[in-house]
Amino acid sequence: MKREFNITVFSENHIGLLTRITIVFTRRKINIESLTVSESAISGVYKFTIVVHTSEDSVKKVVSQIEKIVDVLKAFYHTNEEMIYQEIALYKVPTEALYDSDQIENIVRNSGARILEITREYTVIEKTGHKEETQALFEQLNQFKVMQFIRSGRVALTRDPIERLSEFLNERDAFLDSMD
């Protein structure tokens, strides 16, 4: 049964690594729904957050293949219930619509969004939330002819108290120390 999974990949910042990771998905014909890369809490280590719709068996195989890539330190997969996640969306609407009625202002307030910038031509609105929430706001604002819309990839943390990579690195360091 297909469902949504969050794959977390930890690595150092090496040129071409993103290409090698995405090839693993391409070969298995798995579409990446969302991809975000940033520095992690561990100095020098980067965190890829990848969202896919697939079976648990397939996600296990993908994570196993990703871990075989030389520059990857460790990879994990999680269900949505095991994660805390958000996305950010920006909407550009004509400022004229903002002045014509208070509908946009009410929509922004009721959705928990905020206005970032107002110019003569446009107003930029920001919303943080799950994809369904940011999409619902888009649909509401689109009655005013949204000029531009963008949604980020997912940013996510595990519900575990510490990042699992920390445990892996501690075990690896202990092993390496025992070899001396």
N, C-alpha and C. Protein backbone atom coordinates (compact mmCIF):
# COMPACT_ATOMS: atom_id res chain seq x y z
N MET A 1 0.84 -1.19 0.00
CA MET A 1 0.00 0.00 0.00
C MET A 1 0.88 1.25 0.00
N LYS A 2 0.61 2.16 -0.91
CA LYS A 2 1.38 3.39 -1.00
C LYS A 2 0.92 4.38 0.06
N ARG A 3 1.91 5.07 0.66
CA ARG A 3 1.62 6.15 1.60
C ARG A 3 2.78 7.13 1.58
N GLU A 4 2.64 8.20 2.32
CA GLU A 4 3.66 9.23 2.31
C GLU A 4 4.76 8.91 3.32
N PHE A 5 6.01 9.02 2.88
CA PHE A 5 7.17 8.80 3.74
C PHE A 5 8.11 10.00 3.65
N ASN A 6 8.79 10.26 4.76
CA ASN A 6 9.81 11.29 4.84
C ASN A 6 11.17 10.60 4.93
N ILE A 7 12.02 10.84 3.98
CA ILE A 7 13.36 10.26 4.00
C ILE A 7 14.32 11.36 4.41
N THR A 8 15.15 11.07 5.40
CA THR A 8 16.16 12.02 5.86
C THR A 8 17.53 11.45 5.53
N VAL A 9 18.33 12.23 4.84
CA VAL A 9 19.67 11.80 4.44
C VAL A 9 20.66 12.80 5.02
N PHE A 10 21.69 12.29 5.69
CA PHE A 10 22.74 13.13 6.25
C PHE A 10 24.03 12.92 5.47
N SER A 11 24.70 14.01 5.14
CA SER A 11 25.95 13.91 4.39
C SER A 11 26.78 15.16 4.63
N GLU A 12 28.01 15.10 4.13
CA GLU A 12 28.80 16.31 4.04
C GLU A 12 28.39 16.98 2.74
N ASN A 13 28.79 18.21 2.54
CA ASN A 13 28.37 18.96 1.36
C ASN A 13 29.31 18.67 0.20
N HIS A 14 28.94 17.72 -0.66
CA HIS A 14 29.78 17.33 -1.80
C HIS A 14 29.05 17.61 -3.11
N ILE A 15 29.81 18.10 -4.08
CA ILE A 15 29.25 18.40 -5.41
C ILE A 15 28.79 17.10 -6.05
N GLY A 16 27.60 17.13 -6.64
CA GLY A 16 27.07 15.97 -7.36
C GLY A 16 26.30 14.99 -6.52
N LEU A 17 26.29 15.18 -5.19
CA LEU A 17 25.59 14.23 -4.32
C LEU A 17 24.08 14.24 -4.58
N LEU A 18 23.51 15.41 -4.76
CA LEU A 18 22.07 15.50 -5.03
C LEU A 18 21.70 14.69 -6.27
N THR A 19 22.51 14.78 -7.30
CA THR A 19 22.26 14.02 -8.53
C THR A 19 22.29 12.52 -8.25
N ARG A 20 23.28 12.08 -7.50
CA ARG A 20 23.40 10.65 -7.21
C ARG A 20 22.21 10.16 -6.37
N ILE A 21 21.74 11.00 -5.46
CA ILE A 21 20.59 10.61 -4.65
C ILE A 21 19.32 10.54 -5.50
N THR A 22 19.09 11.54 -6.34
CA THR A 22 17.87 11.54 -7.15
C THR A 22 17.84 10.41 -8.17
N ILE A 23 19.01 9.97 -8.62
CA ILE A 23 19.07 8.85 -9.57
C ILE A 23 18.50 7.58 -8.93
N VAL A 24 18.71 7.41 -7.62
CA VAL A 24 18.16 6.24 -6.92
C VAL A 24 16.64 6.21 -7.06
N PHE A 25 15.99 7.36 -6.96
CA PHE A 25 14.54 7.44 -7.09
C PHE A 25 14.11 7.22 -8.54
N THR A 26 14.86 7.81 -9.46
CA THR A 26 14.53 7.68 -10.88
C THR A 26 14.56 6.22 -11.31
N ARG A 27 15.59 5.49 -10.89
CA ARG A 27 15.71 4.08 -11.28
C ARG A 27 14.54 3.25 -10.77
N ARG A 28 14.00 3.62 -9.63
CA ARG A 28 12.88 2.87 -9.05
C ARG A 28 11.53 3.46 -9.45
N LYS A 29 11.56 4.49 -10.31
CA LYS A 29 10.34 5.15 -10.80
C LYS A 29 9.49 5.69 -9.64
N ILE A 30 10.18 6.32 -8.67
CA ILE A 30 9.51 6.96 -7.53
C ILE A 30 9.66 8.46 -7.70
N ASN A 31 8.53 9.16 -7.71
CA ASN A 31 8.53 10.61 -7.86
C ASN A 31 8.82 11.26 -6.51
N ILE A 32 9.69 12.25 -6.51
CA ILE A 32 9.97 13.03 -5.30
C ILE A 32 8.92 14.14 -5.22
N GLU A 33 8.13 14.13 -4.15
CA GLU A 33 7.08 15.13 -3.95
C GLU A 33 7.64 16.45 -3.43
N SER A 34 8.68 16.35 -2.58
CA SER A 34 9.27 17.53 -1.96
C SER A 34 10.72 17.21 -1.62
N LEU A 35 11.58 18.22 -1.75
CA LEU A 35 13.00 18.04 -1.44
C LEU A 35 13.53 19.33 -0.85
N THR A 36 14.12 19.22 0.32
CA THR A 36 14.72 20.37 0.99
C THR A 36 16.09 19.96 1.49
N VAL A 37 17.07 20.83 1.33
CA VAL A 37 18.42 20.56 1.81
C VAL A 37 18.89 21.76 2.62
N SER A 38 19.46 21.49 3.79
CA SER A 38 20.02 22.57 4.59
C SER A 38 21.06 22.00 5.55
N GLU A 39 21.76 22.89 6.21
CA GLU A 39 22.70 22.46 7.24
C GLU A 39 21.90 21.84 8.38
N SER A 40 22.51 20.89 9.07
CA SER A 40 21.86 20.28 10.23
C SER A 40 22.42 20.89 11.51
N ALA A 41 22.00 20.38 12.64
CA ALA A 41 22.50 20.85 13.93
C ALA A 41 23.94 20.43 14.16
N ILE A 42 24.43 19.49 13.36
CA ILE A 42 25.80 19.00 13.50
C ILE A 42 26.68 19.74 12.50
N SER A 43 27.70 20.40 12.99
CA SER A 43 28.58 21.21 12.15
C SER A 43 29.16 20.39 10.99
N GLY A 44 29.05 20.93 9.77
CA GLY A 44 29.60 20.28 8.59
C GLY A 44 28.73 19.20 7.99
N VAL A 45 27.58 18.91 8.63
CA VAL A 45 26.69 17.87 8.14
C VAL A 45 25.42 18.51 7.58
N TYR A 46 25.02 18.08 6.39
CA TYR A 46 23.83 18.60 5.73
C TYR A 46 22.71 17.57 5.80
N LYS A 47 21.49 18.08 5.80
CA LYS A 47 20.31 17.22 5.95
C LYS A 47 19.40 17.41 4.73
N PHE A 48 19.12 16.30 4.06
CA PHE A 48 18.17 16.28 2.96
C PHE A 48 16.86 15.76 3.52
N THR A 49 15.76 16.45 3.27
CA THR A 49 14.44 15.96 3.64
C THR A 49 13.69 15.71 2.34
N ILE A 50 13.34 14.45 2.10
CA ILE A 50 12.73 14.05 0.84
C ILE A 50 11.39 13.40 1.14
N VAL A 51 10.34 13.86 0.47
CA VAL A 51 9.00 13.31 0.67
C VAL A 51 8.61 12.52 -0.57
N VAL A 52 8.15 11.28 -0.36
CA VAL A 52 7.74 10.41 -1.46
C VAL A 52 6.44 9.69 -1.10
N HIS A 53 5.70 9.27 -2.12
CA HIS A 53 4.54 8.39 -1.97
C HIS A 53 4.94 7.04 -2.55
N THR A 54 5.04 6.05 -1.68
CA THR A 54 5.43 4.72 -2.14
C THR A 54 5.08 3.70 -1.06
N SER A 55 5.45 2.47 -1.29
CA SER A 55 5.20 1.42 -0.29
C SER A 55 6.36 1.39 0.71
N GLU A 56 6.11 0.80 1.87
CA GLU A 56 7.17 0.71 2.87
C GLU A 56 8.33 -0.14 2.37
N ASP A 57 8.01 -1.19 1.64
CA ASP A 57 9.06 -2.03 1.08
C ASP A 57 9.97 -1.23 0.14
N SER A 58 9.36 -0.43 -0.72
CA SER A 58 10.14 0.39 -1.66
C SER A 58 10.98 1.44 -0.93
N VAL A 59 10.42 2.08 0.08
CA VAL A 59 11.17 3.12 0.79
C VAL A 59 12.35 2.51 1.54
N LYS A 60 12.19 1.30 2.06
CA LYS A 60 13.31 0.61 2.73
C LYS A 60 14.44 0.36 1.73
N LYS A 61 14.09 -0.09 0.53
CA LYS A 61 15.09 -0.37 -0.50
C LYS A 61 15.80 0.91 -0.94
N VAL A 62 15.04 1.99 -1.09
CA VAL A 62 15.62 3.27 -1.50
C VAL A 62 16.60 3.77 -0.44
N VAL A 63 16.19 3.72 0.82
CA VAL A 63 17.06 4.18 1.91
C VAL A 63 18.33 3.34 1.95
N SER A 64 18.20 2.05 1.75
CA SER A 64 19.36 1.15 1.73
C SER A 64 20.31 1.52 0.59
N GLN A 65 19.76 1.81 -0.59
CA GLN A 65 20.59 2.20 -1.73
C GLN A 65 21.26 3.55 -1.50
N ILE A 66 20.53 4.49 -0.91
CA ILE A 66 21.10 5.81 -0.63
C ILE A 66 22.27 5.69 0.33
N GLU A 67 22.14 4.82 1.32
CA GLU A 67 23.22 4.66 2.30
C GLU A 67 24.49 4.08 1.67
N LYS A 68 24.37 3.44 0.51
CA LYS A 68 25.54 2.89 -0.16
C LYS A 68 26.34 3.95 -0.91
N ILE A 69 25.77 5.13 -1.07
CA ILE A 69 26.47 6.23 -1.74
C ILE A 69 27.59 6.68 -0.80
N VAL A 70 28.79 6.77 -1.33
CA VAL A 70 29.99 7.02 -0.53
C VAL A 70 29.86 8.25 0.38
N ASP A 71 29.35 9.36 -0.12
CA ASP A 71 29.31 10.60 0.65
C ASP A 71 28.16 10.68 1.66
N VAL A 72 27.29 9.68 1.69
CA VAL A 72 26.15 9.68 2.63
C VAL A 72 26.62 9.08 3.96
N LEU A 73 26.34 9.81 5.05
CA LEU A 73 26.69 9.33 6.39
C LEU A 73 25.64 8.33 6.88
N LYS A 74 24.36 8.71 6.73
CA LYS A 74 23.27 7.86 7.22
C LYS A 74 21.97 8.34 6.60
N ALA A 75 21.03 7.42 6.42
CA ALA A 75 19.70 7.77 5.90
C ALA A 75 18.64 7.05 6.73
N PHE A 76 17.50 7.69 6.89
CA PHE A 76 16.39 7.14 7.67
C PHE A 76 15.10 7.40 6.90
N TYR A 77 14.06 6.65 7.24
CA TYR A 77 12.73 6.99 6.72
C TYR A 77 11.75 7.01 7.88
N HIS A 78 10.73 7.88 7.75
CA HIS A 78 9.73 8.06 8.80
C HIS A 78 8.36 8.25 8.17
N THR A 79 7.33 7.93 8.93
CA THR A 79 5.97 8.27 8.51
C THR A 79 5.68 9.70 8.98
N ASN A 80 4.60 10.28 8.49
CA ASN A 80 4.23 11.63 8.91
C ASN A 80 3.96 11.70 10.41
N GLU A 81 3.43 10.63 10.98
CA GLU A 81 3.12 10.62 12.42
C GLU A 81 4.38 10.70 13.27
N GLU A 82 5.51 10.30 12.72
CA GLU A 82 6.78 10.33 13.45
C GLU A 82 7.52 11.65 13.28
N MET A 83 6.93 12.57 12.52
CA MET A 83 7.60 13.83 12.19
C MET A 83 6.77 15.04 12.61
N ILE A 84 7.47 16.14 12.83
CA ILE A 84 6.87 17.46 12.97
C ILE A 84 7.33 18.21 11.72
N TYR A 85 6.39 18.67 10.91
CA TYR A 85 6.79 19.27 9.64
C TYR A 85 5.91 20.45 9.26
N GLN A 86 6.48 21.31 8.43
CA GLN A 86 5.80 22.50 7.93
C GLN A 86 6.32 22.82 6.54
N GLU A 87 5.58 23.65 5.85
CA GLU A 87 6.01 24.24 4.59
C GLU A 87 5.68 25.72 4.67
N ILE A 88 6.30 26.51 3.85
CA ILE A 88 5.98 27.93 3.80
C ILE A 88 5.50 28.25 2.38
N ALA A 89 4.52 29.10 2.29
CA ALA A 89 4.00 29.50 0.97
C ALA A 89 3.94 31.02 0.90
N LEU A 90 4.21 31.54 -0.28
CA LEU A 90 4.09 32.98 -0.54
C LEU A 90 3.08 33.17 -1.66
N TYR A 91 2.25 34.19 -1.50
CA TYR A 91 1.19 34.51 -2.46
C TYR A 91 1.32 35.99 -2.81
N LYS A 92 1.28 36.30 -4.09
CA LYS A 92 1.28 37.69 -4.51
C LYS A 92 -0.09 37.97 -5.13
N VAL A 93 -0.81 38.92 -4.52
CA VAL A 93 -2.14 39.29 -5.02
C VAL A 93 -2.14 40.78 -5.36
N PRO A 94 -3.03 41.20 -6.25
CA PRO A 94 -3.08 42.63 -6.58
C PRO A 94 -3.50 43.45 -5.36
N THR A 95 -2.78 44.53 -5.09
CA THR A 95 -3.10 45.40 -3.94
C THR A 95 -4.48 46.01 -4.10
N GLU A 96 -4.88 46.26 -5.32
CA GLU A 96 -6.21 46.83 -5.60
C GLU A 96 -7.31 46.00 -4.92
N ALA A 97 -7.18 44.68 -4.96
CA ALA A 97 -8.18 43.80 -4.33
C ALA A 97 -8.21 43.99 -2.81
N LEU A 98 -7.08 44.32 -2.23
CA LEU A 98 -6.99 44.54 -0.79
C LEU A 98 -7.76 45.80 -0.40
N TYR A 99 -7.69 46.83 -1.26
CA TYR A 99 -8.38 48.09 -0.98
C TYR A 99 -9.86 48.06 -1.32
N ASP A 100 -10.25 47.20 -2.25
CA ASP A 100 -11.65 47.15 -2.68
C ASP A 100 -12.59 46.62 -1.60
N SER A 101 -12.10 45.69 -0.78
CA SER A 101 -12.93 45.16 0.31
C SER A 101 -12.01 44.61 1.39
N ASP A 102 -12.61 44.20 2.50
CA ASP A 102 -11.81 43.64 3.58
C ASP A 102 -11.74 42.12 3.52
N GLN A 103 -12.17 41.54 2.40
CA GLN A 103 -12.18 40.08 2.26
C GLN A 103 -10.78 39.47 2.39
N ILE A 104 -9.80 40.05 1.69
CA ILE A 104 -8.44 39.49 1.75
C ILE A 104 -7.91 39.59 3.17
N GLU A 105 -8.11 40.70 3.80
CA GLU A 105 -7.64 40.87 5.18
C GLU A 105 -8.27 39.82 6.10
N ASN A 106 -9.56 39.57 5.94
CA ASN A 106 -10.24 38.55 6.75
C ASN A 106 -9.71 37.15 6.45
N ILE A 107 -9.48 36.86 5.19
CA ILE A 107 -8.94 35.56 4.80
C ILE A 107 -7.56 35.36 5.44
N VAL A 108 -6.72 36.39 5.36
CA VAL A 108 -5.37 36.31 5.94
C VAL A 108 -5.45 36.06 7.44
N ARG A 109 -6.27 36.82 8.14
CA ARG A 109 -6.40 36.65 9.59
C ARG A 109 -6.95 35.27 9.96
N ASN A 110 -7.99 34.85 9.28
CA ASN A 110 -8.63 33.56 9.61
C ASN A 110 -7.74 32.36 9.31
N SER A 111 -6.80 32.53 8.38
CA SER A 111 -5.93 31.40 8.01
C SER A 111 -4.63 31.39 8.81
N GLY A 112 -4.40 32.40 9.62
CA GLY A 112 -3.16 32.47 10.38
C GLY A 112 -1.98 32.89 9.52
N ALA A 113 -2.25 33.52 8.39
CA ALA A 113 -1.19 34.00 7.50
C ALA A 113 -0.81 35.42 7.93
N ARG A 114 0.15 36.00 7.23
CA ARG A 114 0.52 37.38 7.52
C ARG A 114 0.93 38.08 6.23
N ILE A 115 0.78 39.39 6.23
CA ILE A 115 1.17 40.20 5.08
C ILE A 115 2.63 40.60 5.25
N LEU A 116 3.44 40.29 4.24
CA LEU A 116 4.87 40.60 4.29
C LEU A 116 5.21 41.94 3.68
N GLU A 117 4.54 42.27 2.58
CA GLU A 117 4.89 43.49 1.86
C GLU A 117 3.69 43.99 1.08
N ILE A 118 3.53 45.31 1.08
CA ILE A 118 2.47 45.94 0.29
C ILE A 118 3.12 47.01 -0.58
N THR A 119 2.86 46.92 -1.90
CA THR A 119 3.29 47.96 -2.84
C THR A 119 2.04 48.43 -3.56
N ARG A 120 2.19 49.36 -4.45
CA ARG A 120 1.04 49.85 -5.23
C ARG A 120 0.44 48.75 -6.10
N GLU A 121 1.32 47.89 -6.63
CA GLU A 121 0.88 46.87 -7.58
C GLU A 121 0.46 45.56 -6.93
N TYR A 122 1.14 45.17 -5.87
CA TYR A 122 0.89 43.85 -5.30
C TYR A 122 1.06 43.83 -3.79
N THR A 123 0.51 42.78 -3.19
CA THR A 123 0.67 42.50 -1.76
C THR A 123 1.16 41.06 -1.64
N VAL A 124 2.19 40.84 -0.81
CA VAL A 124 2.73 39.51 -0.61
C VAL A 124 2.26 38.99 0.75
N ILE A 125 1.71 37.79 0.72
CA ILE A 125 1.18 37.13 1.91
C ILE A 125 1.98 35.86 2.16
N GLU A 126 2.25 35.58 3.43
CA GLU A 126 3.01 34.38 3.82
C GLU A 126 2.14 33.49 4.70
N LYS A 127 2.21 32.19 4.44
CA LYS A 127 1.48 31.21 5.25
C LYS A 127 2.41 30.04 5.53
N THR A 128 2.50 29.65 6.79
CA THR A 128 3.25 28.46 7.19
C THR A 128 2.25 27.41 7.61
N GLY A 129 2.45 26.17 7.18
CA GLY A 129 1.53 25.10 7.55
C GLY A 129 1.79 23.86 6.73
N HIS A 130 0.86 22.94 6.81
CA HIS A 130 0.94 21.73 5.99
C HIS A 130 0.47 22.07 4.58
N LYS A 131 0.81 21.23 3.62
CA LYS A 131 0.50 21.47 2.22
C LYS A 131 -1.00 21.74 2.01
N GLU A 132 -1.83 20.99 2.71
CA GLU A 132 -3.29 21.15 2.55
C GLU A 132 -3.73 22.56 2.98
N GLU A 133 -3.10 23.09 4.04
CA GLU A 133 -3.46 24.43 4.53
C GLU A 133 -3.00 25.52 3.56
N THR A 134 -1.78 25.38 3.04
CA THR A 134 -1.29 26.40 2.13
C THR A 134 -2.04 26.34 0.79
N GLN A 135 -2.46 25.15 0.39
CA GLN A 135 -3.24 25.01 -0.84
C GLN A 135 -4.64 25.60 -0.66
N ALA A 136 -5.23 25.38 0.49
CA ALA A 136 -6.57 25.93 0.77
C ALA A 136 -6.53 27.46 0.74
N LEU A 137 -5.48 28.05 1.28
CA LEU A 137 -5.36 29.52 1.24
C LEU A 137 -5.20 29.99 -0.20
N PHE A 138 -4.42 29.26 -0.99
CA PHE A 138 -4.27 29.62 -2.41
C PHE A 138 -5.64 29.66 -3.08
N GLU A 139 -6.43 28.64 -2.84
CA GLU A 139 -7.76 28.57 -3.48
C GLU A 139 -8.65 29.72 -3.04
N GLN A 140 -8.56 30.11 -1.78
CA GLN A 140 -9.35 31.26 -1.32
C GLN A 140 -8.87 32.57 -1.95
N LEU A 141 -7.55 32.74 -1.99
CA LEU A 141 -6.99 33.99 -2.53
C LEU A 141 -7.12 34.08 -4.04
N ASN A 142 -7.22 32.95 -4.71
CA ASN A 142 -7.24 32.95 -6.17
C ASN A 142 -8.50 33.60 -6.74
N GLN A 143 -9.53 33.78 -5.93
CA GLN A 143 -10.69 34.53 -6.41
C GLN A 143 -10.32 35.99 -6.68
N PHE A 144 -9.17 36.43 -6.13
CA PHE A 144 -8.67 37.78 -6.36
C PHE A 144 -7.54 37.79 -7.38
N LYS A 145 -7.40 36.68 -8.11
CA LYS A 145 -6.41 36.54 -9.19
C LYS A 145 -4.97 36.59 -8.65
N VAL A 146 -4.57 35.52 -7.97
CA VAL A 146 -3.20 35.42 -7.46
C VAL A 146 -2.24 35.60 -8.64
N MET A 147 -1.28 36.51 -8.47
CA MET A 147 -0.32 36.82 -9.53
C MET A 147 0.84 35.82 -9.54
N GLN A 148 1.26 35.43 -8.34
CA GLN A 148 2.33 34.45 -8.20
C GLN A 148 2.08 33.64 -6.94
N PHE A 149 2.54 32.39 -6.96
CA PHE A 149 2.38 31.49 -5.80
C PHE A 149 3.57 30.55 -5.78
N ILE A 150 4.14 30.35 -4.60
CA ILE A 150 5.24 29.39 -4.44
C ILE A 150 5.12 28.74 -3.07
N ARG A 151 5.41 27.44 -3.06
CA ARG A 151 5.40 26.71 -1.79
C ARG A 151 6.77 26.04 -1.65
N SER A 152 7.34 26.11 -0.47
CA SER A 152 8.65 25.50 -0.24
C SER A 152 8.52 23.99 -0.13
N GLY A 153 9.66 23.34 -0.08
CA GLY A 153 9.68 21.93 0.26
C GLY A 153 9.45 21.79 1.76
N ARG A 154 9.23 20.59 2.17
CA ARG A 154 8.96 20.30 3.58
C ARG A 154 10.21 20.47 4.42
N VAL A 155 10.06 21.11 5.57
CA VAL A 155 11.09 21.11 6.60
C VAL A 155 10.54 20.27 7.74
N ALA A 156 11.36 19.37 8.27
CA ALA A 156 10.83 18.40 9.23
C ALA A 156 11.86 18.02 10.27
N LEU A 157 11.34 17.71 11.45
CA LEU A 157 12.12 17.16 12.56
C LEU A 157 11.43 15.89 13.02
N THR A 158 12.23 14.96 13.54
CA THR A 158 11.61 13.76 14.10
C THR A 158 11.05 14.09 15.48
N ARG A 159 10.12 13.29 15.92
CA ARG A 159 9.58 13.46 17.27
C ARG A 159 10.52 12.87 18.33
N ASP A 160 11.57 12.17 17.87
CA ASP A 160 12.57 11.65 18.80
C ASP A 160 13.23 12.81 19.53
N PRO A 161 13.65 12.62 20.79
CA PRO A 161 14.29 13.69 21.54
C PRO A 161 15.59 14.20 20.92
N ILE A 162 16.37 13.30 20.29
CA ILE A 162 17.60 13.73 19.63
C ILE A 162 17.60 13.22 18.20
N GLU A 163 18.41 13.85 17.39
CA GLU A 163 18.55 13.42 16.00
C GLU A 163 19.23 12.06 15.99
N ARG A 164 18.70 11.12 15.28
CA ARG A 164 19.25 9.77 15.26
C ARG A 164 20.67 9.72 14.71
N LEU A 165 21.03 10.70 13.90
CA LEU A 165 22.39 10.73 13.38
C LEU A 165 23.40 10.87 14.51
N SER A 166 23.05 11.61 15.55
CA SER A 166 23.95 11.79 16.69
C SER A 166 24.31 10.44 17.29
N GLU A 167 23.33 9.57 17.46
CA GLU A 167 23.58 8.23 18.00
C GLU A 167 24.52 7.46 17.08
N PHE A 168 24.27 7.53 15.78
CA PHE A 168 25.11 6.84 14.81
C PHE A 168 26.55 7.34 14.88
N LEU A 169 26.74 8.66 14.92
CA LEU A 169 28.08 9.22 14.97
C LEU A 169 28.80 8.85 16.26
N ASN A 170 28.08 8.83 17.38
CA ASN A 170 28.68 8.42 18.66
C ASN A 170 29.13 6.96 18.60
N GLU A 171 28.29 6.09 18.04
CA GLU A 171 28.65 4.68 17.89
C GLU A 171 29.86 4.51 16.97
N ARG A 172 29.87 5.25 15.88
CA ARG A 172 30.99 5.18 14.94
C ARG A 172 32.28 5.65 15.60
N ASP A 173 32.20 6.77 16.33
CA ASP A 173 33.40 7.30 17.01
C ASP A 173 33.92 6.33 18.06
N ALA A 174 32.99 5.69 18.79
CA ALA A 174 33.40 4.71 19.81
C ALA A 174 34.09 3.53 19.14
N PHE A 175 33.54 3.09 18.01
CA PHE A 175 34.13 1.98 17.27
C PHE A 175 35.53 2.35 16.79
N LEU A 176 35.67 3.54 16.21
CA LEU A 176 36.97 3.99 15.70
C LEU A 176 37.99 4.13 16.83
N ASP A 177 37.55 4.61 18.01
CA ASP A 177 38.42 4.72 19.16
C ASP A 177 38.90 3.35 19.63
N SER A 178 38.02 2.35 19.53
CA SER A 178 38.39 1.00 19.96
C SER A 178 39.40 0.36 19.02
N MET A 179 39.51 0.87 17.80
CA MET A 179 40.45 0.34 16.82
C MET A 179 41.87 0.84 17.07
N ASP A 180 41.99 1.94 17.83
CA ASP A 180 43.32 2.54 18.10
C ASP A 180 44.14 1.73 19.05
